[in-house]
Amino acid sequence: FHVHHWFEIRDTLVKVKKVKGPQKTQCEKCRKGDATSFCRVCGQFLCTVCTQIHKDWAELSTHEVISLDRLEGDVTQLVPPTKKVTYCSKHPTKESDLYCETCEELVCRDCIVR
């Protein structure tokens, strides 16, 4: 069990409380409007304006944006999509989640310490 997985679980529980809570959830992009949707990839609540911008922007158009009305029935949608884990070529049991500019490749924390 990795620490970063614990943080993902904690963050998801915080988001469930926001959706299930009595007060409105604020947009996490502009912080001006009430959230009306949630982006599963970014993990952020969005207002109507930011949702439209999110859908129109080419780089974000493939993100899965879900209406908060849909979320209330199924909070499992708050869990981010599964990401592919890659392992270090020098330390096969370690996740390679850092980029080494010198080596120009993904490496693990053990490689960086050297």
PDB file of N, CA and C in Angstrom:
ATOM      1  N   PHE A   1       0.856  -1.178   0.000  1.00  0.00           N
ATOM      2  CA  PHE A   1       0.000   0.000   0.000  1.00  0.00           C
ATOM      3  C   PHE A   1       0.893   1.230   0.000  1.00  0.00           C
ATOM      4  N   HIS A   2       0.782   2.051  -1.015  1.00  0.00           N
ATOM      5  CA  HIS A   2       1.640   3.223  -1.164  1.00  0.00           C
ATOM      6  C   HIS A   2       0.991   4.455  -0.550  1.00  0.00           C
ATOM      7  N   VAL A   3       1.826   5.368  -0.094  1.00  0.00           N
ATOM      8  CA  VAL A   3       1.351   6.595   0.538  1.00  0.00           C
ATOM      9  C   VAL A   3       0.496   7.414  -0.431  1.00  0.00           C
ATOM     10  N   HIS A   4       0.913   7.510  -1.712  1.00  0.00           N
ATOM     11  CA  HIS A   4       0.143   8.339  -2.639  1.00  0.00           C
ATOM     12  C   HIS A   4      -1.252   7.769  -2.861  1.00  0.00           C
ATOM     13  N   HIS A   5      -1.420   6.427  -2.716  1.00  0.00           N
ATOM     14  CA  HIS A   5      -2.754   5.845  -2.823  1.00  0.00           C
ATOM     15  C   HIS A   5      -3.612   6.286  -1.633  1.00  0.00           C
ATOM     16  N   TRP A   6      -2.996   6.402  -0.464  1.00  0.00           N
ATOM     17  CA  TRP A   6      -3.735   6.856   0.712  1.00  0.00           C
ATOM     18  C   TRP A   6      -4.240   8.273   0.493  1.00  0.00           C
ATOM     19  N   PHE A   7      -3.403   9.120  -0.090  1.00  0.00           N
ATOM     20  CA  PHE A   7      -3.812  10.497  -0.356  1.00  0.00           C
ATOM     21  C   PHE A   7      -4.973  10.539  -1.341  1.00  0.00           C
ATOM     22  N   GLU A   8      -4.958   9.663  -2.358  1.00  0.00           N
ATOM     23  CA  GLU A   8      -6.066   9.605  -3.320  1.00  0.00           C
ATOM     24  C   GLU A   8      -7.360   9.200  -2.618  1.00  0.00           C
ATOM     25  N   ILE A   9      -7.268   8.226  -1.723  1.00  0.00           N
ATOM     26  CA  ILE A   9      -8.448   7.773  -0.974  1.00  0.00           C
ATOM     27  C   ILE A   9      -8.967   8.891  -0.082  1.00  0.00           C
ATOM     28  N   ARG A  10      -8.067   9.567   0.620  1.00  0.00           N
ATOM     29  CA  ARG A  10      -8.456  10.681   1.484  1.00  0.00           C
ATOM     30  C   ARG A  10      -9.131  11.788   0.679  1.00  0.00           C
ATOM     31  N   ASP A  11      -8.544  12.134  -0.449  1.00  0.00           N
ATOM     32  CA  ASP A  11      -9.105  13.189  -1.293  1.00  0.00           C
ATOM     33  C   ASP A  11     -10.491  12.804  -1.810  1.00  0.00           C
ATOM     34  N   THR A  12     -10.670  11.539  -2.139  1.00  0.00           N
ATOM     35  CA  THR A  12     -11.969  11.066  -2.618  1.00  0.00           C
ATOM     36  C   THR A  12     -13.012  11.175  -1.510  1.00  0.00           C
ATOM     37  N   LEU A  13     -12.646  10.822  -0.288  1.00  0.00           N
ATOM     38  CA  LEU A  13     -13.587  10.925   0.830  1.00  0.00           C
ATOM     39  C   LEU A  13     -13.982  12.374   1.091  1.00  0.00           C
ATOM     40  N   VAL A  14     -13.039  13.289   0.943  1.00  0.00           N
ATOM     41  CA  VAL A  14     -13.338  14.720   1.093  1.00  0.00           C
ATOM     42  C   VAL A  14     -14.339  15.152   0.029  1.00  0.00           C
ATOM     43  N   LYS A  15     -14.166  14.671  -1.184  1.00  0.00           N
ATOM     44  CA  LYS A  15     -15.075  15.017  -2.278  1.00  0.00           C
ATOM     45  C   LYS A  15     -16.470  14.435  -2.045  1.00  0.00           C
ATOM     46  N   VAL A  16     -16.554  13.225  -1.499  1.00  0.00           N
ATOM     47  CA  VAL A  16     -17.859  12.621  -1.184  1.00  0.00           C
ATOM     48  C   VAL A  16     -18.593  13.494  -0.176  1.00  0.00           C
ATOM     49  N   LYS A  17     -17.880  13.976   0.831  1.00  0.00           N
ATOM     50  CA  LYS A  17     -18.501  14.848   1.834  1.00  0.00           C
ATOM     51  C   LYS A  17     -19.031  16.124   1.195  1.00  0.00           C
ATOM     52  N   LYS A  18     -18.294  16.664   0.212  1.00  0.00           N
ATOM     53  CA  LYS A  18     -18.734  17.885  -0.471  1.00  0.00           C
ATOM     54  C   LYS A  18     -20.037  17.635  -1.227  1.00  0.00           C
ATOM     55  N   VAL A  19     -20.124  16.501  -1.912  1.00  0.00           N
ATOM     56  CA  VAL A  19     -21.312  16.197  -2.704  1.00  0.00           C
ATOM     57  C   VAL A  19     -22.501  15.891  -1.803  1.00  0.00           C
ATOM     58  N   LYS A  20     -22.257  15.164  -0.724  1.00  0.00           N
ATOM     59  CA  LYS A  20     -23.338  14.746   0.171  1.00  0.00           C
ATOM     60  C   LYS A  20     -23.713  15.808   1.198  1.00  0.00           C
ATOM     61  N   GLY A  21     -22.873  16.815   1.375  1.00  0.00           N
ATOM     62  CA  GLY A  21     -23.112  17.841   2.384  1.00  0.00           C
ATOM     63  C   GLY A  21     -24.289  18.737   2.046  1.00  0.00           C
ATOM     64  N   PRO A  22     -24.815  19.434   3.064  1.00  0.00           N
ATOM     65  CA  PRO A  22     -25.982  20.291   2.857  1.00  0.00           C
ATOM     66  C   PRO A  22     -25.682  21.576   2.083  1.00  0.00           C
ATOM     67  N   GLN A  23     -24.459  22.101   2.177  1.00  0.00           N
ATOM     68  CA  GLN A  23     -24.151  23.353   1.486  1.00  0.00           C
ATOM     69  C   GLN A  23     -23.661  23.077   0.071  1.00  0.00           C
ATOM     70  N   LYS A  24     -23.744  24.095  -0.763  1.00  0.00           N
ATOM     71  CA  LYS A  24     -23.316  23.986  -2.160  1.00  0.00           C
ATOM     72  C   LYS A  24     -21.795  23.852  -2.219  1.00  0.00           C
ATOM     73  N   THR A  25     -21.332  23.146  -3.226  1.00  0.00           N
ATOM     74  CA  THR A  25     -19.904  22.988  -3.458  1.00  0.00           C
ATOM     75  C   THR A  25     -19.451  24.077  -4.416  1.00  0.00           C
ATOM     76  N   GLN A  26     -18.351  24.746  -4.088  1.00  0.00           N
ATOM     77  CA  GLN A  26     -17.841  25.835  -4.916  1.00  0.00           C
ATOM     78  C   GLN A  26     -17.001  25.282  -6.066  1.00  0.00           C
ATOM     79  N   CYS A  27     -17.024  25.974  -7.192  1.00  0.00           N
ATOM     80  CA  CYS A  27     -16.194  25.630  -8.348  1.00  0.00           C
ATOM     81  C   CYS A  27     -14.726  25.715  -7.924  1.00  0.00           C
ATOM     82  N   GLU A  28     -13.964  24.667  -8.229  1.00  0.00           N
ATOM     83  CA  GLU A  28     -12.553  24.651  -7.834  1.00  0.00           C
ATOM     84  C   GLU A  28     -11.635  25.294  -8.865  1.00  0.00           C
ATOM     85  N   LYS A  29     -12.187  25.753  -9.989  1.00  0.00           N
ATOM     86  CA  LYS A  29     -11.391  26.464 -10.997  1.00  0.00           C
ATOM     87  C   LYS A  29     -11.460  27.977 -10.777  1.00  0.00           C
ATOM     88  N   CYS A  30     -12.672  28.530 -10.895  1.00  0.00           N
ATOM     89  CA  CYS A  30     -12.819  29.989 -10.790  1.00  0.00           C
ATOM     90  C   CYS A  30     -13.131  30.455  -9.370  1.00  0.00           C
ATOM     91  N   ARG A  31     -13.605  29.559  -8.545  1.00  0.00           N
ATOM     92  CA  ARG A  31     -13.979  29.854  -7.141  1.00  0.00           C
ATOM     93  C   ARG A  31     -15.048  30.936  -7.026  1.00  0.00           C
ATOM     94  N   LYS A  32     -15.837  31.121  -8.102  1.00  0.00           N
ATOM     95  CA  LYS A  32     -16.878  32.145  -8.097  1.00  0.00           C
ATOM     96  C   LYS A  32     -18.277  31.542  -8.046  1.00  0.00           C
ATOM     97  N   GLY A  33     -18.504  30.486  -8.797  1.00  0.00           N
ATOM     98  CA  GLY A  33     -19.839  29.917  -8.896  1.00  0.00           C
ATOM     99  C   GLY A  33     -19.986  28.614  -8.139  1.00  0.00           C
ATOM    100  N   ASP A  34     -21.234  28.167  -8.020  1.00  0.00           N
ATOM    101  CA  ASP A  34     -21.514  26.867  -7.414  1.00  0.00           C
ATOM    102  C   ASP A  34     -21.202  25.774  -8.428  1.00  0.00           C
ATOM    103  N   ALA A  35     -20.618  24.689  -7.973  1.00  0.00           N
ATOM    104  CA  ALA A  35     -20.277  23.582  -8.860  1.00  0.00           C
ATOM    105  C   ALA A  35     -21.540  22.894  -9.358  1.00  0.00           C
ATOM    106  N   THR A  36     -21.520  22.531 -10.634  1.00  0.00           N
ATOM    107  CA  THR A  36     -22.625  21.798 -11.249  1.00  0.00           C
ATOM    108  C   THR A  36     -22.158  20.469 -11.820  1.00  0.00           C
ATOM    109  N   SER A  37     -20.820  20.286 -11.893  1.00  0.00           N
ATOM    110  CA  SER A  37     -20.279  19.047 -12.443  1.00  0.00           C
ATOM    111  C   SER A  37     -18.930  18.735 -11.810  1.00  0.00           C
ATOM    112  N   PHE A  38     -18.403  17.563 -12.170  1.00  0.00           N
ATOM    113  CA  PHE A  38     -17.133  17.087 -11.626  1.00  0.00           C
ATOM    114  C   PHE A  38     -16.335  16.443 -12.750  1.00  0.00           C
ATOM    115  N   CYS A  39     -15.061  16.823 -12.899  1.00  0.00           N
ATOM    116  CA  CYS A  39     -14.187  16.207 -13.897  1.00  0.00           C
ATOM    117  C   CYS A  39     -13.434  15.068 -13.220  1.00  0.00           C
ATOM    118  N   ARG A  40     -13.647  13.850 -13.715  1.00  0.00           N
ATOM    119  CA  ARG A  40     -12.999  12.681 -13.113  1.00  0.00           C
ATOM    120  C   ARG A  40     -11.498  12.680 -13.335  1.00  0.00           C
ATOM    121  N   VAL A  41     -11.026  13.228 -14.436  1.00  0.00           N
ATOM    122  CA  VAL A  41      -9.597  13.211 -14.733  1.00  0.00           C
ATOM    123  C   VAL A  41      -8.857  14.251 -13.896  1.00  0.00           C
ATOM    124  N   CYS A  42      -9.381  15.474 -13.865  1.00  0.00           N
ATOM    125  CA  CYS A  42      -8.758  16.544 -13.071  1.00  0.00           C
ATOM    126  C   CYS A  42      -9.061  16.391 -11.584  1.00  0.00           C
ATOM    127  N   GLY A  43     -10.184  15.732 -11.272  1.00  0.00           N
ATOM    128  CA  GLY A  43     -10.588  15.583  -9.874  1.00  0.00           C
ATOM    129  C   GLY A  43     -11.092  16.876  -9.269  1.00  0.00           C
ATOM    130  N   GLN A  44     -11.731  17.723 -10.108  1.00  0.00           N
ATOM    131  CA  GLN A  44     -12.192  19.024  -9.625  1.00  0.00           C
ATOM    132  C   GLN A  44     -13.673  19.243  -9.913  1.00  0.00           C
ATOM    133  N   PHE A  45     -14.299  19.977  -8.987  1.00  0.00           N
ATOM    134  CA  PHE A  45     -15.678  20.405  -9.169  1.00  0.00           C
ATOM    135  C   PHE A  45     -15.680  21.658 -10.037  1.00  0.00           C
ATOM    136  N   LEU A  46     -16.640  21.741 -10.973  1.00  0.00           N
ATOM    137  CA  LEU A  46     -16.687  22.853 -11.921  1.00  0.00           C
ATOM    138  C   LEU A  46     -18.073  23.493 -11.946  1.00  0.00           C
ATOM    139  N   CYS A  47     -18.111  24.823 -12.122  1.00  0.00           N
ATOM    140  CA  CYS A  47     -19.384  25.525 -12.307  1.00  0.00           C
ATOM    141  C   CYS A  47     -19.815  25.374 -13.773  1.00  0.00           C
ATOM    142  N   THR A  48     -20.963  25.910 -14.126  1.00  0.00           N
ATOM    143  CA  THR A  48     -21.478  25.795 -15.495  1.00  0.00           C
ATOM    144  C   THR A  48     -20.524  26.414 -16.519  1.00  0.00           C
ATOM    145  N   VAL A  49     -20.011  27.605 -16.215  1.00  0.00           N
ATOM    146  CA  VAL A  49     -19.102  28.297 -17.141  1.00  0.00           C
ATOM    147  C   VAL A  49     -17.806  27.504 -17.323  1.00  0.00           C
ATOM    148  N   CYS A  50     -17.214  27.072 -16.223  1.00  0.00           N
ATOM    149  CA  CYS A  50     -15.951  26.321 -16.305  1.00  0.00           C
ATOM    150  C   CYS A  50     -16.153  24.946 -16.949  1.00  0.00           C
ATOM    151  N   THR A  51     -17.317  24.348 -16.769  1.00  0.00           N
ATOM    152  CA  THR A  51     -17.627  23.073 -17.425  1.00  0.00           C
ATOM    153  C   THR A  51     -17.614  23.248 -18.929  1.00  0.00           C
ATOM    154  N   GLN A  52     -18.237  24.331 -19.414  1.00  0.00           N
ATOM    155  CA  GLN A  52     -18.279  24.580 -20.852  1.00  0.00           C
ATOM    156  C   GLN A  52     -16.883  24.843 -21.404  1.00  0.00           C
ATOM    157  N   ILE A  53     -16.092  25.636 -20.686  1.00  0.00           N
ATOM    158  CA  ILE A  53     -14.711  25.906 -21.101  1.00  0.00           C
ATOM    159  C   ILE A  53     -13.923  24.598 -21.148  1.00  0.00           C
ATOM    160  N   HIS A  54     -14.132  23.757 -20.140  1.00  0.00           N
ATOM    161  CA  HIS A  54     -13.458  22.459 -20.043  1.00  0.00           C
ATOM    162  C   HIS A  54     -13.783  21.597 -21.268  1.00  0.00           C
ATOM    163  N   LYS A  55     -15.045  21.590 -21.668  1.00  0.00           N
ATOM    164  CA  LYS A  55     -15.473  20.777 -22.814  1.00  0.00           C
ATOM    165  C   LYS A  55     -14.980  21.349 -24.139  1.00  0.00           C
ATOM    166  N   ASP A  56     -14.871  22.684 -24.230  1.00  0.00           N
ATOM    167  CA  ASP A  56     -14.470  23.339 -25.472  1.00  0.00           C
ATOM    168  C   ASP A  56     -12.959  23.325 -25.715  1.00  0.00           C
ATOM    169  N   TRP A  57     -12.176  23.267 -24.651  1.00  0.00           N
ATOM    170  CA  TRP A  57     -10.724  23.312 -24.776  1.00  0.00           C
ATOM    171  C   TRP A  57     -10.237  21.951 -25.280  1.00  0.00           C
ATOM    172  N   ALA A  58      -9.552  21.941 -26.407  1.00  0.00           N
ATOM    173  CA  ALA A  58      -9.144  20.703 -27.077  1.00  0.00           C
ATOM    174  C   ALA A  58      -8.371  19.744 -26.158  1.00  0.00           C
ATOM    175  N   GLU A  59      -7.460  20.264 -25.366  1.00  0.00           N
ATOM    176  CA  GLU A  59      -6.637  19.425 -24.495  1.00  0.00           C
ATOM    177  C   GLU A  59      -7.454  18.732 -23.402  1.00  0.00           C
ATOM    178  N   LEU A  60      -8.602  19.308 -23.051  1.00  0.00           N
ATOM    179  CA  LEU A  60      -9.427  18.750 -21.977  1.00  0.00           C
ATOM    180  C   LEU A  60     -10.695  18.077 -22.487  1.00  0.00           C
ATOM    181  N   SER A  61     -10.921  18.124 -23.792  1.00  0.00           N
ATOM    182  CA  SER A  61     -12.178  17.636 -24.349  1.00  0.00           C
ATOM    183  C   SER A  61     -12.397  16.140 -24.164  1.00  0.00           C
ATOM    184  N   THR A  62     -11.348  15.386 -23.916  1.00  0.00           N
ATOM    185  CA  THR A  62     -11.494  13.944 -23.697  1.00  0.00           C
ATOM    186  C   THR A  62     -11.769  13.593 -22.235  1.00  0.00           C
ATOM    187  N   HIS A  63     -11.718  14.587 -21.356  1.00  0.00           N
ATOM    188  CA  HIS A  63     -11.971  14.337 -19.931  1.00  0.00           C
ATOM    189  C   HIS A  63     -13.431  13.970 -19.698  1.00  0.00           C
ATOM    190  N   GLU A  64     -13.651  13.109 -18.719  1.00  0.00           N
ATOM    191  CA  GLU A  64     -15.012  12.693 -18.379  1.00  0.00           C
ATOM    192  C   GLU A  64     -15.584  13.648 -17.330  1.00  0.00           C
ATOM    193  N   VAL A  65     -16.538  14.479 -17.774  1.00  0.00           N
ATOM    194  CA  VAL A  65     -17.184  15.451 -16.890  1.00  0.00           C
ATOM    195  C   VAL A  65     -18.585  14.947 -16.579  1.00  0.00           C
ATOM    196  N   ILE A  66     -18.890  14.842 -15.283  1.00  0.00           N
ATOM    197  CA  ILE A  66     -20.157  14.259 -14.834  1.00  0.00           C
ATOM    198  C   ILE A  66     -20.973  15.302 -14.085  1.00  0.00           C
ATOM    199  N   SER A  67     -22.257  15.347 -14.362  1.00  0.00           N
ATOM    200  CA  SER A  67     -23.168  16.254 -13.660  1.00  0.00           C
ATOM    201  C   SER A  67     -23.251  15.858 -12.186  1.00  0.00           C
ATOM    202  N   LEU A  68     -23.318  16.838 -11.296  1.00  0.00           N
ATOM    203  CA  LEU A  68     -23.435  16.539  -9.867  1.00  0.00           C
ATOM    204  C   LEU A  68     -24.723  15.784  -9.557  1.00  0.00           C
ATOM    205  N   ASP A  69     -25.768  16.008 -10.350  1.00  0.00           N
ATOM    206  CA  ASP A  69     -27.010  15.259 -10.159  1.00  0.00           C
ATOM    207  C   ASP A  69     -26.760  13.766 -10.325  1.00  0.00           C
ATOM    208  N   ARG A  70     -25.946  13.400 -11.292  1.00  0.00           N
ATOM    209  CA  ARG A  70     -25.588  11.993 -11.505  1.00  0.00           C
ATOM    210  C   ARG A  70     -24.704  11.457 -10.389  1.00  0.00           C
ATOM    211  N   LEU A  71     -23.848  12.310  -9.856  1.00  0.00           N
ATOM    212  CA  LEU A  71     -22.922  11.888  -8.802  1.00  0.00           C
ATOM    213  C   LEU A  71     -23.630  11.532  -7.503  1.00  0.00           C
ATOM    214  N   GLU A  72     -24.696  12.244  -7.187  1.00  0.00           N
ATOM    215  CA  GLU A  72     -25.372  12.013  -5.914  1.00  0.00           C
ATOM    216  C   GLU A  72     -25.842  10.574  -5.779  1.00  0.00           C
ATOM    217  N   GLY A  73     -26.171   9.939  -6.899  1.00  0.00           N
ATOM    218  CA  GLY A  73     -26.610   8.552  -6.855  1.00  0.00           C
ATOM    219  C   GLY A  73     -25.464   7.561  -6.857  1.00  0.00           C
ATOM    220  N   ASP A  74     -24.296   7.973  -7.309  1.00  0.00           N
ATOM    221  CA  ASP A  74     -23.168   7.053  -7.434  1.00  0.00           C
ATOM    222  C   ASP A  74     -21.861   7.788  -7.173  1.00  0.00           C
ATOM    223  N   VAL A  75     -21.504   7.911  -5.910  1.00  0.00           N
ATOM    224  CA  VAL A  75     -20.295   8.656  -5.548  1.00  0.00           C
ATOM    225  C   VAL A  75     -19.012   7.921  -5.940  1.00  0.00           C
ATOM    226  N   THR A  76     -19.117   6.676  -6.404  1.00  0.00           N
ATOM    227  CA  THR A  76     -17.911   5.984  -6.869  1.00  0.00           C
ATOM    228  C   THR A  76     -17.330   6.681  -8.095  1.00  0.00           C
ATOM    229  N   GLN A  77     -18.123   7.524  -8.761  1.00  0.00           N
ATOM    230  CA  GLN A  77     -17.635   8.283  -9.919  1.00  0.00           C
ATOM    231  C   GLN A  77     -16.580   9.308  -9.516  1.00  0.00           C
ATOM    232  N   LEU A  78     -16.472   9.593  -8.216  1.00  0.00           N
ATOM    233  CA  LEU A  78     -15.463  10.549  -7.735  1.00  0.00           C
ATOM    234  C   LEU A  78     -14.062   9.945  -7.760  1.00  0.00           C
ATOM    235  N   VAL A  79     -13.976   8.635  -7.822  1.00  0.00           N
ATOM    236  CA  VAL A  79     -12.675   7.976  -7.854  1.00  0.00           C
ATOM    237  C   VAL A  79     -12.060   8.207  -9.226  1.00  0.00           C
ATOM    238  N   PRO A  80     -10.819   8.690  -9.276  1.00  0.00           N
ATOM    239  CA  PRO A  80     -10.194   8.955 -10.577  1.00  0.00           C
ATOM    240  C   PRO A  80     -10.034   7.663 -11.371  1.00  0.00           C
ATOM    241  N   PRO A  81     -10.047   7.776 -12.697  1.00  0.00           N
ATOM    242  CA  PRO A  81      -9.831   6.581 -13.514  1.00  0.00           C
ATOM    243  C   PRO A  81      -8.480   5.955 -13.187  1.00  0.00           C
ATOM    244  N   THR A  82      -8.381   4.661 -13.336  1.00  0.00           N
ATOM    245  CA  THR A  82      -7.139   3.952 -13.030  1.00  0.00           C
ATOM    246  C   THR A  82      -6.029   4.405 -13.974  1.00  0.00           C
ATOM    247  N   LYS A  83      -4.900   4.679 -13.380  1.00  0.00           N
ATOM    248  CA  LYS A  83      -3.768   5.077 -14.203  1.00  0.00           C
ATOM    249  C   LYS A  83      -2.814   3.898 -14.363  1.00  0.00           C
ATOM    250  N   LYS A  84      -2.116   3.880 -15.483  1.00  0.00           N
ATOM    251  CA  LYS A  84      -1.160   2.813 -15.740  1.00  0.00           C
ATOM    252  C   LYS A  84       0.091   3.064 -14.911  1.00  0.00           C
ATOM    253  N   VAL A  85       0.538   2.046 -14.214  1.00  0.00           N
ATOM    254  CA  VAL A  85       1.731   2.159 -13.389  1.00  0.00           C
ATOM    255  C   VAL A  85       2.911   1.617 -14.182  1.00  0.00           C
ATOM    256  N   THR A  86       3.980   2.390 -14.223  1.00  0.00           N
ATOM    257  CA  THR A  86       5.208   1.919 -14.876  1.00  0.00           C
ATOM    258  C   THR A  86       6.269   1.707 -13.802  1.00  0.00           C
ATOM    259  N   TYR A  87       7.125   0.746 -14.058  1.00  0.00           N
ATOM    260  CA  TYR A  87       8.154   0.411 -13.076  1.00  0.00           C
ATOM    261  C   TYR A  87       9.534   0.765 -13.611  1.00  0.00           C
ATOM    262  N   CYS A  88      10.416   1.080 -12.694  1.00  0.00           N
ATOM    263  CA  CYS A  88      11.772   1.504 -13.008  1.00  0.00           C
ATOM    264  C   CYS A  88      12.546   0.358 -13.672  1.00  0.00           C
ATOM    265  N   SER A  89      13.320   0.693 -14.696  1.00  0.00           N
ATOM    266  CA  SER A  89      14.110  -0.336 -15.383  1.00  0.00           C
ATOM    267  C   SER A  89      15.276  -0.831 -14.522  1.00  0.00           C
ATOM    268  N   LYS A  90      15.776   0.022 -13.610  1.00  0.00           N
ATOM    269  CA  LYS A  90      16.885  -0.378 -12.735  1.00  0.00           C
ATOM    270  C   LYS A  90      16.409  -1.000 -11.421  1.00  0.00           C
ATOM    271  N   HIS A  91      15.201  -0.646 -11.002  1.00  0.00           N
ATOM    272  CA  HIS A  91      14.613  -1.159  -9.754  1.00  0.00           C
ATOM    273  C   HIS A  91      13.191  -1.639 -10.062  1.00  0.00           C
ATOM    274  N   PRO A  92      13.050  -2.846 -10.581  1.00  0.00           N
ATOM    275  CA  PRO A  92      11.766  -3.322 -11.109  1.00  0.00           C
ATOM    276  C   PRO A  92      10.612  -3.375 -10.106  1.00  0.00           C
ATOM    277  N   THR A  93      10.893  -3.295  -8.822  1.00  0.00           N
ATOM    278  CA  THR A  93       9.802  -3.306  -7.837  1.00  0.00           C
ATOM    279  C   THR A  93       9.346  -1.906  -7.458  1.00  0.00           C
ATOM    280  N   LYS A  94      10.023  -0.889  -7.990  1.00  0.00           N
ATOM    281  CA  LYS A  94       9.705   0.510  -7.671  1.00  0.00           C
ATOM    282  C   LYS A  94       8.967   1.175  -8.834  1.00  0.00           C
ATOM    283  N   GLU A  95       7.954   1.971  -8.491  1.00  0.00           N
ATOM    284  CA  GLU A  95       7.238   2.732  -9.508  1.00  0.00           C
ATOM    285  C   GLU A  95       8.132   3.841 -10.037  1.00  0.00           C
ATOM    286  N   SER A  96       8.130   4.023 -11.353  1.00  0.00           N
ATOM    287  CA  SER A  96       8.893   5.130 -11.940  1.00  0.00           C
ATOM    288  C   SER A  96       7.932   6.295 -12.143  1.00  0.00           C
ATOM    289  N   ASP A  97       7.989   7.235 -11.217  1.00  0.00           N
ATOM    290  CA  ASP A  97       7.057   8.363 -11.244  1.00  0.00           C
ATOM    291  C   ASP A  97       7.762   9.717 -11.279  1.00  0.00           C
ATOM    292  N   LEU A  98       9.059   9.700 -11.563  1.00  0.00           N
ATOM    293  CA  LEU A  98       9.833  10.929 -11.664  1.00  0.00           C
ATOM    294  C   LEU A  98      10.571  10.936 -13.003  1.00  0.00           C
ATOM    295  N   TYR A  99      10.829  12.123 -13.519  1.00  0.00           N
ATOM    296  CA  TYR A  99      11.544  12.230 -14.794  1.00  0.00           C
ATOM    297  C   TYR A  99      12.952  12.743 -14.551  1.00  0.00           C
ATOM    298  N   CYS A 100      13.925  12.009 -15.053  1.00  0.00           N
ATOM    299  CA  CYS A 100      15.331  12.417 -14.945  1.00  0.00           C
ATOM    300  C   CYS A 100      15.712  13.124 -16.242  1.00  0.00           C
ATOM    301  N   GLU A 101      16.055  14.412 -16.143  1.00  0.00           N
ATOM    302  CA  GLU A 101      16.423  15.182 -17.334  1.00  0.00           C
ATOM    303  C   GLU A 101      17.765  14.729 -17.902  1.00  0.00           C
ATOM    304  N   THR A 102      18.669  14.282 -17.048  1.00  0.00           N
ATOM    305  CA  THR A 102      19.974  13.813 -17.502  1.00  0.00           C
ATOM    306  C   THR A 102      19.831  12.527 -18.315  1.00  0.00           C
ATOM    307  N   CYS A 103      19.067  11.569 -17.762  1.00  0.00           N
ATOM    308  CA  CYS A 103      18.874  10.266 -18.432  1.00  0.00           C
ATOM    309  C   CYS A 103      17.791  10.320 -19.503  1.00  0.00           C
ATOM    310  N   GLU A 104      16.934  11.350 -19.412  1.00  0.00           N
ATOM    311  CA  GLU A 104      15.793  11.507 -20.313  1.00  0.00           C
ATOM    312  C   GLU A 104      14.861  10.291 -20.269  1.00  0.00           C
ATOM    313  N   GLU A 105      14.543   9.874 -19.031  1.00  0.00           N
ATOM    314  CA  GLU A 105      13.627   8.750 -18.859  1.00  0.00           C
ATOM    315  C   GLU A 105      12.935   8.826 -17.500  1.00  0.00           C
ATOM    316  N   LEU A 106      11.862   8.050 -17.364  1.00  0.00           N
ATOM    317  CA  LEU A 106      11.190   7.947 -16.087  1.00  0.00           C
ATOM    318  C   LEU A 106      12.011   7.067 -15.165  1.00  0.00           C
ATOM    319  N   VAL A 107      12.144   7.505 -13.910  1.00  0.00           N
ATOM    320  CA  VAL A 107      12.931   6.763 -12.919  1.00  0.00           C
ATOM    321  C   VAL A 107      12.178   6.721 -11.597  1.00  0.00           C
ATOM    322  N   CYS A 108      12.679   5.924 -10.679  1.00  0.00           N
ATOM    323  CA  CYS A 108      12.075   5.849  -9.332  1.00  0.00           C
ATOM    324  C   CYS A 108      12.842   6.770  -8.380  1.00  0.00           C
ATOM    325  N   ARG A 109      12.368   6.854  -7.167  1.00  0.00           N
ATOM    326  CA  ARG A 109      13.011   7.705  -6.159  1.00  0.00           C
ATOM    327  C   ARG A 109      14.422   7.209  -5.818  1.00  0.00           C
ATOM    328  N   ASP A 110      14.626   5.898  -5.837  1.00  0.00           N
ATOM    329  CA  ASP A 110      15.953   5.352  -5.538  1.00  0.00           C
ATOM    330  C   ASP A 110      16.994   5.852  -6.548  1.00  0.00           C
ATOM    331  N   CYS A 111      16.594   5.976  -7.802  1.00  0.00           N
ATOM    332  CA  CYS A 111      17.518   6.473  -8.840  1.00  0.00           C
ATOM    333  C   CYS A 111      17.900   7.933  -8.586  1.00  0.00           C
ATOM    334  N   ILE A 112      16.971   8.717  -8.125  1.00  0.00           N
ATOM    335  CA  ILE A 112      17.221  10.138  -7.878  1.00  0.00           C
ATOM    336  C   ILE A 112      18.166  10.344  -6.707  1.00  0.00           C
ATOM    337  N   VAL A 113      18.073   9.483  -5.691  1.00  0.00           N
ATOM    338  CA  VAL A 113      18.901   9.612  -4.485  1.00  0.00           C
ATOM    339  C   VAL A 113      20.362   9.401  -4.804  1.00  0.00           C
ATOM    340  N   ARG A 114      20.668   8.602  -5.780  1.00  0.00           N
ATOM    341  CA  ARG A 114      22.087   8.311  -6.120  1.00  0.00           C
ATOM    342  C   ARG A 114      22.828   9.508  -6.569  1.00  0.00           C
TER     343      ARG A 114
END
